[in-house]
Amino acid sequence: MRKTQTIDVEVKAYDVTVFQTPKYGQKRGYRSVYRNEVEGDDHYDVMYKVFRMLNVKELLPEGYNTRYMATGDIVFIDEGMNGHYYYQLKPGGFFPIHRMYIR
């Protein structure tokens, strides 16, 4: 008889905001283009879901009329009392950054 071990992963709702520059490749002028609560196992799971949602035409939220997510875009995850986290999309995935990049 084979025993199966299960691991319970807590799914949480994260407050996520996506910042983009008006034109791809710009270094300044980030503005908020999307904000919503997204459920996921951790920050990277949530960022994957947001990236997929904002890059697949059929999954785009109603009323979303800016460009697809691309290199340089920033994802802000607000966990309230547990902290604020910023990640920038770079070649190879999302990487943590400091808040000062958003101007």
Protein backbone atom coordinates (compact mmCIF):
# COMPACT_ATOMS: atom_id res chain seq x y z
CA MET A 1 0.00 0.00 0.00
CA ARG A 2 1.35 3.40 -0.99
CA LYS A 3 0.90 6.39 1.33
CA THR A 4 0.24 9.79 -0.13
CA GLN A 5 1.42 12.89 1.63
CA THR A 6 -0.43 16.14 1.03
CA ILE A 7 0.86 19.60 1.74
CA ASP A 8 -1.66 22.30 2.53
CA VAL A 9 -0.71 25.62 0.99
CA GLU A 10 -2.53 28.66 2.26
CA VAL A 11 -4.04 30.67 -0.57
CA LYS A 12 -4.22 34.38 0.24
CA ALA A 13 -5.69 37.39 -1.47
CA TYR A 14 -3.07 40.00 -2.35
CA ASP A 15 -3.71 43.65 -3.21
CA VAL A 16 -1.83 44.07 -6.51
CA THR A 17 -1.13 47.24 -8.50
CA VAL A 18 0.61 47.29 -11.89
CA PHE A 19 2.58 50.37 -12.95
CA GLN A 20 3.59 51.11 -16.55
CA THR A 21 5.20 54.00 -18.38
CA PRO A 22 3.12 55.62 -21.13
CA LYS A 23 5.44 54.19 -23.79
CA TYR A 24 7.42 50.97 -23.69
CA GLY A 25 11.07 51.44 -22.74
CA GLN A 26 10.75 54.71 -20.84
CA LYS A 27 12.55 54.98 -17.51
CA ARG A 28 10.29 57.56 -15.83
CA GLY A 29 6.65 58.45 -15.64
CA TYR A 30 5.24 55.26 -14.15
CA ARG A 31 1.50 55.36 -13.53
CA SER A 32 -0.97 52.89 -12.10
CA VAL A 33 -2.79 51.00 -14.88
CA TYR A 34 -4.38 48.08 -13.00
CA ARG A 35 -5.32 47.33 -9.40
CA ASN A 36 -7.19 44.37 -7.98
CA GLU A 37 -7.08 41.62 -5.38
CA VAL A 38 -5.54 38.43 -6.74
CA GLU A 39 -5.50 35.08 -4.93
CA GLY A 40 -2.34 33.02 -4.89
CA ASP A 41 0.06 30.86 -2.92
CA ASP A 42 2.81 33.51 -2.80
CA HIS A 43 4.04 36.66 -4.55
CA TYR A 44 5.42 34.82 -7.58
CA ASP A 45 2.19 32.88 -8.09
CA VAL A 46 0.24 36.14 -8.00
CA MET A 47 2.64 37.87 -10.41
CA TYR A 48 2.37 34.94 -12.83
CA LYS A 49 -1.43 35.21 -12.74
CA VAL A 50 -1.36 38.98 -13.31
CA PHE A 51 1.19 38.66 -16.13
CA ARG A 52 -0.94 36.01 -17.83
CA MET A 53 -4.15 38.00 -17.36
CA LEU A 54 -2.63 41.18 -18.86
CA ASN A 55 -0.97 39.40 -21.81
CA VAL A 56 -3.73 37.10 -23.08
CA LYS A 57 -6.39 39.00 -25.03
CA GLU A 58 -9.23 36.74 -23.86
CA LEU A 59 -8.27 37.25 -20.18
CA LEU A 60 -7.90 41.04 -20.20
CA PRO A 61 -10.14 42.73 -17.61
CA GLU A 62 -13.05 44.72 -18.97
CA GLY A 63 -12.05 48.33 -19.40
CA TYR A 64 -8.30 47.61 -19.49
CA ASN A 65 -7.08 49.68 -22.42
CA THR A 66 -3.33 50.08 -22.01
CA ARG A 67 -0.55 48.00 -23.49
CA TYR A 68 0.32 44.41 -22.59
CA MET A 69 2.77 43.85 -19.72
CA ALA A 70 6.37 44.06 -20.83
CA THR A 71 9.93 44.35 -19.57
CA GLY A 72 10.28 47.31 -17.21
CA ASP A 73 6.75 47.18 -15.80
CA ILE A 74 6.41 47.17 -12.02
CA VAL A 75 4.12 45.11 -9.79
CA PHE A 76 3.36 46.43 -6.30
CA ILE A 77 2.02 43.98 -3.72
CA ASP A 78 0.53 45.57 -0.61
CA GLU A 79 0.20 43.26 2.37
CA GLY A 80 -0.86 46.03 4.74
CA MET A 81 0.84 45.59 8.11
CA ASN A 82 2.99 42.78 6.67
CA GLY A 83 4.77 45.08 4.23
CA HIS A 84 4.89 46.52 0.75
CA TYR A 85 6.77 44.76 -2.03
CA TYR A 86 7.84 46.00 -5.46
CA TYR A 87 8.93 43.76 -8.34
CA GLN A 88 10.09 44.75 -11.81
CA LEU A 89 9.68 42.57 -14.87
CA LYS A 90 13.11 42.00 -16.40
CA PRO A 91 14.46 39.40 -18.82
CA GLY A 92 14.25 36.19 -16.81
CA GLY A 93 11.27 37.11 -14.65
CA PHE A 94 10.24 39.39 -11.81
CA PHE A 95 12.93 40.77 -9.50
CA PRO A 96 12.52 42.72 -6.24
CA ILE A 97 13.28 46.45 -6.48
CA HIS A 98 13.16 49.53 -4.25
CA ARG A 99 10.21 51.89 -4.28
CA MET A 100 12.34 54.76 -5.64
CA TYR A 101 11.94 53.42 -9.20
CA ILE A 102 8.34 54.63 -9.32
CA ARG A 103 8.35 58.34 -10.13
